C-alpha atoms as a PDB file:
ATOM      1  CA  MET A   1     -11.070 -16.589 -14.103  1.00  0.00           C
ATOM      2  CA  ARG A   2      -8.448 -13.950 -13.410  1.00  0.00           C
ATOM      3  CA  ASN A   3      -5.472 -13.890 -15.798  1.00  0.00           C
ATOM      4  CA  TYR A   4      -2.569 -12.877 -13.543  1.00  0.00           C
ATOM      5  CA  LYS A   5       0.047 -13.090 -16.287  1.00  0.00           C
ATOM      6  CA  SER A   6      -1.852 -10.636 -18.464  1.00  0.00           C
ATOM      7  CA  GLU A   7      -2.602  -8.386 -15.490  1.00  0.00           C
ATOM      8  CA  TYR A   8       1.093  -8.194 -14.599  1.00  0.00           C
ATOM      9  CA  LYS A   9       2.108  -7.567 -18.196  1.00  0.00           C
ATOM     10  CA  ASN A  10      -0.446  -4.789 -18.723  1.00  0.00           C
ATOM     11  CA  TYR A  11      -0.351  -3.088 -15.330  1.00  0.00           C
ATOM     12  CA  HIS A  12       1.985  -4.275 -12.583  1.00  0.00           C
ATOM     13  CA  SER A  13       5.117  -4.327 -14.731  1.00  0.00           C
ATOM     14  CA  SER A  14       4.992  -0.601 -15.515  1.00  0.00           C
ATOM     15  CA  SER A  15       7.792   1.451 -13.970  1.00  0.00           C
ATOM     16  CA  LYS A  16       5.275   3.664 -12.130  1.00  0.00           C
ATOM     17  CA  GLN A  17       3.642   0.657 -10.437  1.00  0.00           C
ATOM     18  CA  LYS A  18       7.028  -0.854  -9.580  1.00  0.00           C
ATOM     19  CA  LYS A  19       8.051   2.401  -7.870  1.00  0.00           C
ATOM     20  CA  ASN A  20       4.728   2.570  -5.993  1.00  0.00           C
ATOM     21  CA  ARG A  21       5.105  -1.038  -4.840  1.00  0.00           C
ATOM     22  CA  ALA A  22       8.696  -0.439  -3.699  1.00  0.00           C
ATOM     23  CA  SER A  23       7.570   2.610  -1.739  1.00  0.00           C
ATOM     24  CA  ARG A  24       4.723   0.692  -0.047  1.00  0.00           C
ATOM     25  CA  ASN A  25       7.187  -2.050   0.896  1.00  0.00           C
ATOM     26  CA  SER A  26       9.582   0.571   2.243  1.00  0.00           C
ATOM     27  CA  ALA A  27       6.834   2.108   4.406  1.00  0.00           C
ATOM     28  CA  ARG A  28       5.978  -1.258   5.948  1.00  0.00           C
ATOM     29  CA  SER A  29       9.653  -2.022   6.493  1.00  0.00           C
ATOM     30  CA  ALA A  30      10.186   1.277   8.311  1.00  0.00           C
ATOM     31  CA  LEU A  31       7.234   0.651  10.628  1.00  0.00           C
ATOM     32  CA  ALA A  32       8.380  -2.928  11.238  1.00  0.00           C
ATOM     33  CA  LYS A  33      11.825  -1.672  12.195  1.00  0.00           C
ATOM     34  CA  ASN A  34      10.202   0.598  14.794  1.00  0.00           C
ATOM     35  CA  GLY A  35       8.126  -2.293  16.147  1.00  0.00           C
ATOM     36  CA  VAL A  36       4.767  -0.872  15.066  1.00  0.00           C
ATOM     37  CA  VAL A  37       3.887  -3.838  12.816  1.00  0.00           C
ATOM     38  CA  ARG A  38       5.287  -7.313  12.382  1.00  0.00           C
ATOM     39  CA  LYS A  39       5.072 -10.044   9.785  1.00  0.00           C
ATOM     40  CA  GLY A  40       1.841 -12.021   9.951  1.00  0.00           C
ATOM     41  CA  ASP A  41       0.007  -9.598  12.236  1.00  0.00           C
ATOM     42  CA  GLY A  42      -2.894  -9.090   9.795  1.00  0.00           C
ATOM     43  CA  LYS A  43      -2.356  -5.340   9.618  1.00  0.00           C
ATOM     44  CA  ASP A  44      -1.843  -2.998   6.679  1.00  0.00           C
ATOM     45  CA  VAL A  45       0.109   0.232   6.508  1.00  0.00           C
ATOM     46  CA  ASN A  46      -2.275   2.899   5.282  1.00  0.00           C
ATOM     47  CA  HIS A  47      -1.165   5.997   3.359  1.00  0.00           C
ATOM     48  CA  LYS A  48      -3.693   8.556   4.608  1.00  0.00           C
ATOM     49  CA  ASN A  49      -3.485  10.818   1.557  1.00  0.00           C
ATOM     50  CA  GLY A  50      -3.589   7.909  -0.925  1.00  0.00           C
ATOM     51  CA  ASN A  51      -0.096   8.604  -2.269  1.00  0.00           C
ATOM     52  CA  PRO A  52       2.049   5.457  -1.850  1.00  0.00           C
ATOM     53  CA  ARG A  53       5.251   7.442  -2.374  1.00  0.00           C
ATOM     54  CA  ASP A  54       4.609   9.779   0.565  1.00  0.00           C
ATOM     55  CA  ASN A  55       6.182   7.834   3.437  1.00  0.00           C
ATOM     56  CA  SER A  56       6.280  10.683   5.957  1.00  0.00           C
ATOM     57  CA  LYS A  57       5.365   9.670   9.512  1.00  0.00           C
ATOM     58  CA  LYS A  58       2.262  11.874   9.543  1.00  0.00           C
ATOM     59  CA  ASN A  59       0.937  10.139   6.407  1.00  0.00           C
ATOM     60  CA  LEU A  60       1.295   6.545   7.672  1.00  0.00           C
ATOM     61  CA  SER A  61      -1.083   4.685   9.948  1.00  0.00           C
ATOM     62  CA  VAL A  62      -1.658   1.044  10.823  1.00  0.00           C
ATOM     63  CA  THR A  63      -5.099  -0.407  10.117  1.00  0.00           C
ATOM     64  CA  THR A  64      -6.684  -3.800   9.678  1.00  0.00           C
ATOM     65  CA  LYS A  65      -6.585  -5.252   6.192  1.00  0.00           C
ATOM     66  CA  ARG A  66     -10.358  -5.112   6.042  1.00  0.00           C
ATOM     67  CA  ALA A  67     -10.522  -1.397   6.867  1.00  0.00           C
ATOM     68  CA  ASN A  68      -7.692  -0.479   4.486  1.00  0.00           C
ATOM     69  CA  ARG A  69      -9.130  -2.397   1.533  1.00  0.00           C
ATOM     70  CA  SER A  70     -12.834  -1.690   2.020  1.00  0.00           C
ATOM     71  CA  PHE A  71     -13.255   1.392  -0.137  1.00  0.00           C
ATOM     72  CA  PRO A  72     -12.859   1.793  -3.905  1.00  0.00           C
ATOM     73  CA  ARG A  73      -9.547   3.147  -5.154  1.00  0.00           C
ATOM     74  CA  ASN A  74      -9.624   6.006  -7.631  1.00  0.00           C
ATOM     75  CA  LYS A  75      -7.955   9.358  -8.239  1.00  0.00           C
ATOM     76  CA  ASN A  76      -9.390  10.592  -4.928  1.00  0.00           C
ATOM     77  CA  ALA A  77      -8.121   7.666  -2.860  1.00  0.00           C
ATOM     78  CA  GLY A  78      -7.833   8.461   0.803  1.00  0.00           C
ATOM     79  CA  LYS A  79     -10.479  11.199   0.588  1.00  0.00           C
ATOM     80  CA  ARG A  80     -13.426   9.427   2.220  1.00  0.00           C
END
């Protein structure tokens, strides 16, 4: 069974992960404001180069959740 409390304490609560999460949320918000995505549409905002803090227009694309989450994340994320 997954221990979410421990996972948050050991990983998600770090300042680096909080900044990454805020940046991902900001990217989705920007695309929602432009009408590209909307809440509940089943789409993810993909950072093409794997860097969640790079929210430039050329780095963002809209994909299905399945396509965006179907490859392993590592230091070379986005380099398929």
